[in-house]
N, C-alpha and C. Protein backbone atom coordinates (compact mmCIF):
# COMPACT_ATOMS: atom_id res chain seq x y z
N MET A 1 0.85 -1.17 0.00
CA MET A 1 0.00 0.00 0.00
C MET A 1 0.90 1.24 0.00
N GLY A 2 0.72 2.13 -0.99
CA GLY A 2 1.55 3.33 -1.12
C GLY A 2 1.10 4.42 -0.17
N ALA A 3 2.04 5.13 0.33
CA ALA A 3 1.72 6.25 1.22
C ALA A 3 1.31 7.45 0.40
N LEU A 4 0.30 8.15 0.87
CA LEU A 4 -0.13 9.39 0.21
C LEU A 4 0.85 10.49 0.58
N ARG A 5 1.25 11.25 -0.41
CA ARG A 5 2.18 12.33 -0.17
C ARG A 5 1.39 13.61 0.08
N GLU A 6 1.70 14.28 1.16
CA GLU A 6 1.08 15.57 1.43
C GLU A 6 1.89 16.66 0.75
N TYR A 7 1.21 17.50 0.03
CA TYR A 7 1.88 18.59 -0.66
C TYR A 7 1.90 19.82 0.22
N SER A 8 3.01 20.53 0.21
CA SER A 8 3.07 21.78 0.95
C SER A 8 2.27 22.83 0.18
N ARG A 9 1.92 23.88 0.84
CA ARG A 9 1.19 24.97 0.21
C ARG A 9 2.00 25.53 -0.96
N TYR A 10 3.30 25.64 -0.79
CA TYR A 10 4.15 26.15 -1.86
C TYR A 10 4.09 25.23 -3.08
N GLU A 11 4.17 23.92 -2.84
CA GLU A 11 4.11 22.96 -3.95
C GLU A 11 2.77 23.04 -4.68
N LEU A 12 1.69 23.24 -3.91
CA LEU A 12 0.37 23.38 -4.54
C LEU A 12 0.32 24.61 -5.44
N LEU A 13 0.81 25.74 -4.92
CA LEU A 13 0.83 26.95 -5.74
C LEU A 13 1.74 26.77 -6.95
N LEU A 14 2.91 26.22 -6.72
CA LEU A 14 3.86 26.02 -7.81
C LEU A 14 3.26 25.16 -8.92
N SER A 15 2.55 24.11 -8.55
CA SER A 15 1.97 23.22 -9.54
C SER A 15 0.91 23.91 -10.39
N GLN A 16 0.27 24.93 -9.85
CA GLN A 16 -0.77 25.65 -10.59
C GLN A 16 -0.21 26.71 -11.52
N PHE A 17 1.06 27.00 -11.40
CA PHE A 17 1.72 27.99 -12.24
C PHE A 17 2.51 27.34 -13.38
N GLN A 18 2.25 26.06 -13.64
CA GLN A 18 2.96 25.38 -14.72
C GLN A 18 2.56 25.97 -16.05
N MET A 19 3.56 26.26 -16.88
CA MET A 19 3.33 26.86 -18.18
C MET A 19 4.13 26.11 -19.23
N ASN A 20 3.67 26.22 -20.44
CA ASN A 20 4.43 25.69 -21.57
C ASN A 20 5.62 26.60 -21.78
N GLU A 21 6.82 26.12 -21.49
CA GLU A 21 8.03 26.94 -21.56
C GLU A 21 8.24 27.54 -22.95
N MET A 22 7.79 26.85 -23.98
CA MET A 22 7.99 27.36 -25.33
C MET A 22 7.14 28.61 -25.58
N ALA A 23 5.99 28.71 -24.92
CA ALA A 23 5.06 29.80 -25.20
C ALA A 23 5.23 30.99 -24.26
N VAL A 24 6.17 30.91 -23.33
CA VAL A 24 6.30 31.95 -22.31
C VAL A 24 7.65 32.64 -22.44
N ASN A 25 7.63 33.96 -22.56
CA ASN A 25 8.90 34.68 -22.60
C ASN A 25 9.35 35.01 -21.18
N ASP A 26 10.54 35.53 -21.04
CA ASP A 26 11.11 35.81 -19.71
C ASP A 26 10.28 36.81 -18.93
N ASN A 27 9.74 37.82 -19.59
CA ASN A 27 8.94 38.84 -18.91
C ASN A 27 7.70 38.22 -18.26
N VAL A 28 7.01 37.35 -19.00
CA VAL A 28 5.82 36.68 -18.48
C VAL A 28 6.21 35.75 -17.33
N ARG A 29 7.26 34.97 -17.53
CA ARG A 29 7.70 34.03 -16.49
C ARG A 29 8.04 34.77 -15.20
N GLN A 30 8.79 35.87 -15.31
CA GLN A 30 9.18 36.64 -14.12
C GLN A 30 7.97 37.28 -13.45
N ALA A 31 7.02 37.77 -14.23
CA ALA A 31 5.81 38.38 -13.66
C ALA A 31 5.02 37.33 -12.87
N LEU A 32 4.85 36.15 -13.45
CA LEU A 32 4.11 35.09 -12.76
C LEU A 32 4.85 34.60 -11.52
N GLU A 33 6.17 34.57 -11.58
CA GLU A 33 6.94 34.19 -10.39
C GLU A 33 6.76 35.21 -9.27
N ARG A 34 6.76 36.49 -9.61
CA ARG A 34 6.57 37.52 -8.58
C ARG A 34 5.19 37.41 -7.94
N ILE A 35 4.17 37.20 -8.77
CA ILE A 35 2.80 37.04 -8.24
C ILE A 35 2.72 35.79 -7.37
N ARG A 36 3.28 34.69 -7.86
CA ARG A 36 3.27 33.42 -7.10
C ARG A 36 3.95 33.61 -5.75
N ASP A 37 5.12 34.22 -5.75
CA ASP A 37 5.84 34.44 -4.49
C ASP A 37 5.05 35.33 -3.54
N PHE A 38 4.42 36.35 -4.09
CA PHE A 38 3.60 37.23 -3.25
C PHE A 38 2.43 36.44 -2.64
N LEU A 39 1.73 35.67 -3.45
CA LEU A 39 0.60 34.89 -2.94
C LEU A 39 1.05 33.93 -1.85
N TYR A 40 2.21 33.34 -2.03
CA TYR A 40 2.72 32.40 -1.03
C TYR A 40 3.12 33.12 0.26
N GLU A 41 3.84 34.21 0.14
CA GLU A 41 4.40 34.89 1.30
C GLU A 41 3.41 35.80 2.03
N HIS A 42 2.38 36.29 1.34
CA HIS A 42 1.54 37.32 1.95
C HIS A 42 0.05 37.01 1.96
N THR A 43 -0.31 35.79 1.60
CA THR A 43 -1.71 35.36 1.69
C THR A 43 -1.72 33.94 2.25
N ASP A 44 -2.91 33.43 2.46
CA ASP A 44 -3.04 32.03 2.87
C ASP A 44 -3.69 31.19 1.76
N ILE A 45 -3.63 31.69 0.55
CA ILE A 45 -4.25 31.03 -0.60
C ILE A 45 -3.49 29.74 -0.95
N HIS A 46 -4.28 28.69 -1.18
CA HIS A 46 -3.72 27.41 -1.63
C HIS A 46 -3.98 27.19 -3.12
N TYR A 47 -5.11 27.68 -3.59
CA TYR A 47 -5.54 27.42 -4.96
C TYR A 47 -5.86 28.73 -5.67
N LEU A 48 -5.43 28.84 -6.93
CA LEU A 48 -5.62 30.07 -7.70
C LEU A 48 -7.09 30.42 -7.89
N VAL A 49 -7.95 29.44 -7.80
CA VAL A 49 -9.38 29.69 -7.95
C VAL A 49 -9.89 30.66 -6.86
N PHE A 50 -9.15 30.78 -5.76
CA PHE A 50 -9.56 31.66 -4.67
C PHE A 50 -8.95 33.05 -4.72
N VAL A 51 -8.15 33.34 -5.73
CA VAL A 51 -7.57 34.68 -5.87
C VAL A 51 -8.68 35.66 -6.24
N ARG A 52 -8.74 36.76 -5.52
CA ARG A 52 -9.75 37.79 -5.76
C ARG A 52 -9.08 39.12 -6.06
N GLU A 53 -9.89 40.08 -6.46
CA GLU A 53 -9.39 41.41 -6.78
C GLU A 53 -8.59 42.00 -5.62
N GLN A 54 -9.07 41.79 -4.41
CA GLN A 54 -8.41 42.36 -3.24
C GLN A 54 -6.98 41.83 -3.09
N ASN A 55 -6.76 40.58 -3.44
CA ASN A 55 -5.40 40.03 -3.38
C ASN A 55 -4.48 40.76 -4.35
N LEU A 56 -4.99 41.09 -5.52
CA LEU A 56 -4.19 41.79 -6.52
C LEU A 56 -3.95 43.24 -6.13
N ILE A 57 -4.93 43.85 -5.51
CA ILE A 57 -4.74 45.21 -4.99
C ILE A 57 -3.71 45.18 -3.86
N SER A 58 -3.73 44.14 -3.06
CA SER A 58 -2.73 43.99 -2.00
C SER A 58 -1.32 43.87 -2.59
N TYR A 59 -1.21 43.27 -3.76
CA TYR A 59 0.07 43.16 -4.46
C TYR A 59 0.59 44.57 -4.79
N ILE A 60 -0.29 45.42 -5.26
CA ILE A 60 0.10 46.81 -5.55
C ILE A 60 0.49 47.52 -4.25
N LYS A 61 -0.33 47.36 -3.23
CA LYS A 61 -0.05 48.02 -1.94
C LYS A 61 1.29 47.56 -1.36
N TYR A 62 1.58 46.29 -1.49
CA TYR A 62 2.85 45.75 -0.99
C TYR A 62 4.02 46.47 -1.64
N HIS A 63 3.98 46.57 -2.95
CA HIS A 63 5.08 47.23 -3.67
C HIS A 63 5.11 48.73 -3.38
N CYS A 64 3.95 49.31 -3.21
CA CYS A 64 3.87 50.73 -2.86
C CYS A 64 4.52 50.97 -1.49
N LYS A 65 4.20 50.11 -0.54
CA LYS A 65 4.76 50.22 0.81
C LYS A 65 6.29 50.12 0.77
N HIS A 66 6.80 49.33 -0.15
CA HIS A 66 8.25 49.15 -0.28
C HIS A 66 8.85 50.07 -1.35
N LYS A 67 8.09 51.12 -1.69
CA LYS A 67 8.55 52.18 -2.60
C LYS A 67 9.02 51.65 -3.95
N PHE A 68 8.39 50.56 -4.41
CA PHE A 68 8.68 49.98 -5.72
C PHE A 68 10.18 49.74 -5.92
N GLU A 69 10.83 49.24 -4.86
CA GLU A 69 12.27 48.98 -4.90
C GLU A 69 12.61 47.81 -5.82
N LYS A 70 11.81 46.75 -5.80
CA LYS A 70 12.12 45.56 -6.59
C LYS A 70 11.69 45.71 -8.04
N VAL A 71 10.51 46.23 -8.24
CA VAL A 71 9.97 46.45 -9.59
C VAL A 71 9.23 47.77 -9.61
N SER A 72 9.13 48.35 -10.78
CA SER A 72 8.47 49.66 -10.92
C SER A 72 6.95 49.52 -10.82
N PHE A 73 6.30 50.64 -10.61
CA PHE A 73 4.84 50.67 -10.57
C PHE A 73 4.27 50.11 -11.88
N ILE A 74 4.83 50.54 -12.99
CA ILE A 74 4.36 50.08 -14.31
C ILE A 74 4.47 48.56 -14.40
N GLN A 75 5.59 48.00 -13.90
CA GLN A 75 5.77 46.55 -13.96
C GLN A 75 4.80 45.83 -13.04
N VAL A 76 4.47 46.40 -11.90
CA VAL A 76 3.49 45.80 -10.98
C VAL A 76 2.13 45.69 -11.67
N VAL A 77 1.72 46.76 -12.33
CA VAL A 77 0.44 46.74 -13.06
C VAL A 77 0.51 45.71 -14.19
N GLU A 78 1.62 45.67 -14.91
CA GLU A 78 1.79 44.69 -15.98
C GLU A 78 1.78 43.26 -15.44
N ASP A 79 2.39 43.04 -14.27
CA ASP A 79 2.37 41.72 -13.63
C ASP A 79 0.92 41.26 -13.42
N ILE A 80 0.10 42.16 -12.92
CA ILE A 80 -1.30 41.82 -12.65
C ILE A 80 -2.03 41.50 -13.95
N LYS A 81 -1.80 42.30 -14.97
CA LYS A 81 -2.45 42.04 -16.27
C LYS A 81 -2.02 40.69 -16.84
N ILE A 82 -0.74 40.38 -16.73
CA ILE A 82 -0.23 39.08 -17.20
C ILE A 82 -0.87 37.95 -16.40
N PHE A 83 -0.95 38.12 -15.09
CA PHE A 83 -1.54 37.09 -14.23
C PHE A 83 -3.02 36.88 -14.56
N ILE A 84 -3.75 37.95 -14.81
CA ILE A 84 -5.17 37.81 -15.16
C ILE A 84 -5.31 37.07 -16.49
N ARG A 85 -4.47 37.38 -17.46
CA ARG A 85 -4.51 36.65 -18.74
C ARG A 85 -4.17 35.17 -18.52
N PHE A 86 -3.21 34.91 -17.64
CA PHE A 86 -2.84 33.53 -17.30
C PHE A 86 -4.05 32.79 -16.73
N LEU A 87 -4.77 33.43 -15.80
CA LEU A 87 -5.94 32.80 -15.19
C LEU A 87 -7.06 32.58 -16.21
N GLU A 88 -7.21 33.52 -17.15
CA GLU A 88 -8.26 33.38 -18.16
C GLU A 88 -8.06 32.14 -19.03
N HIS A 89 -6.83 31.68 -19.14
CA HIS A 89 -6.54 30.50 -19.96
C HIS A 89 -6.60 29.19 -19.17
N LYS A 90 -6.83 29.28 -17.88
CA LYS A 90 -6.95 28.06 -17.07
C LYS A 90 -8.42 27.64 -17.07
N THR A 91 -8.70 26.45 -17.54
CA THR A 91 -10.09 26.01 -17.69
C THR A 91 -10.79 25.75 -16.36
N ASP A 92 -10.04 25.51 -15.31
CA ASP A 92 -10.66 25.20 -14.02
C ASP A 92 -11.05 26.45 -13.23
N ILE A 93 -10.72 27.62 -13.72
CA ILE A 93 -11.06 28.86 -13.01
C ILE A 93 -12.22 29.54 -13.73
N LYS A 94 -13.34 29.58 -13.07
CA LYS A 94 -14.57 30.12 -13.67
C LYS A 94 -14.73 31.62 -13.40
N ARG A 95 -14.18 32.11 -12.29
CA ARG A 95 -14.32 33.52 -11.95
C ARG A 95 -12.93 34.14 -11.87
N VAL A 96 -12.57 34.84 -12.92
CA VAL A 96 -11.26 35.48 -12.99
C VAL A 96 -11.39 36.90 -12.44
N PRO A 97 -10.52 37.28 -11.51
CA PRO A 97 -10.61 38.64 -10.98
C PRO A 97 -10.30 39.66 -12.06
N SER A 98 -10.88 40.83 -11.91
CA SER A 98 -10.58 41.90 -12.87
C SER A 98 -10.41 43.20 -12.08
N ILE A 99 -9.53 44.02 -12.58
CA ILE A 99 -9.26 45.31 -11.94
C ILE A 99 -9.31 46.38 -13.02
N ASP A 100 -10.03 47.43 -12.71
CA ASP A 100 -10.10 48.58 -13.60
C ASP A 100 -8.94 49.51 -13.24
N PHE A 101 -7.95 49.59 -14.13
CA PHE A 101 -6.78 50.43 -13.87
C PHE A 101 -6.96 51.85 -14.37
N SER A 102 -8.14 52.17 -14.86
CA SER A 102 -8.37 53.52 -15.38
C SER A 102 -8.54 54.52 -14.23
N LEU A 103 -8.48 55.77 -14.58
CA LEU A 103 -8.68 56.82 -13.57
C LEU A 103 -10.12 56.90 -13.10
N GLN A 104 -11.01 56.25 -13.84
CA GLN A 104 -12.40 56.20 -13.40
C GLN A 104 -12.56 55.37 -12.14
N ASN A 105 -11.58 54.54 -11.86
CA ASN A 105 -11.59 53.74 -10.63
C ASN A 105 -10.86 54.54 -9.55
N LEU A 106 -11.26 55.75 -9.36
CA LEU A 106 -10.62 56.68 -8.44
C LEU A 106 -10.57 56.15 -7.02
N ASN A 107 -11.61 55.47 -6.59
CA ASN A 107 -11.65 54.93 -5.24
C ASN A 107 -10.47 54.01 -4.96
N MET A 108 -10.17 53.12 -5.91
CA MET A 108 -9.03 52.22 -5.71
C MET A 108 -7.74 53.00 -5.61
N TRP A 109 -7.54 53.95 -6.50
CA TRP A 109 -6.29 54.72 -6.52
C TRP A 109 -6.12 55.53 -5.25
N LEU A 110 -7.20 56.08 -4.72
CA LEU A 110 -7.10 56.87 -3.49
C LEU A 110 -6.74 56.01 -2.27
N HIS A 111 -7.12 54.74 -2.32
CA HIS A 111 -6.83 53.86 -1.19
C HIS A 111 -5.46 53.19 -1.27
N LEU A 112 -4.74 53.45 -2.32
CA LEU A 112 -3.39 52.92 -2.41
C LEU A 112 -2.50 53.86 -1.68
């Protein structure tokens, strides 16, 4: 009788970020790695299906709090857009978060 292997939360997240290496350029890969690391280090999410808009706004706030030392504001927004496109292509995710980055979403910008 084989023993069941328990996966760590990191392994679960990592397994959900699997991509076809041929179809992904370095910019996309790095953006998804940053989002994955953020989700692991700053949330309790196990499955991408549970990612919500607030988690992505928290990603912006995190970088804002750290004065965009690691990546620029523009790259943080691009990371989120790349991640949303990534989720849209996953068939098991029925509700993909969306964020309005326009100035019409003034409430979000004021709370950053």
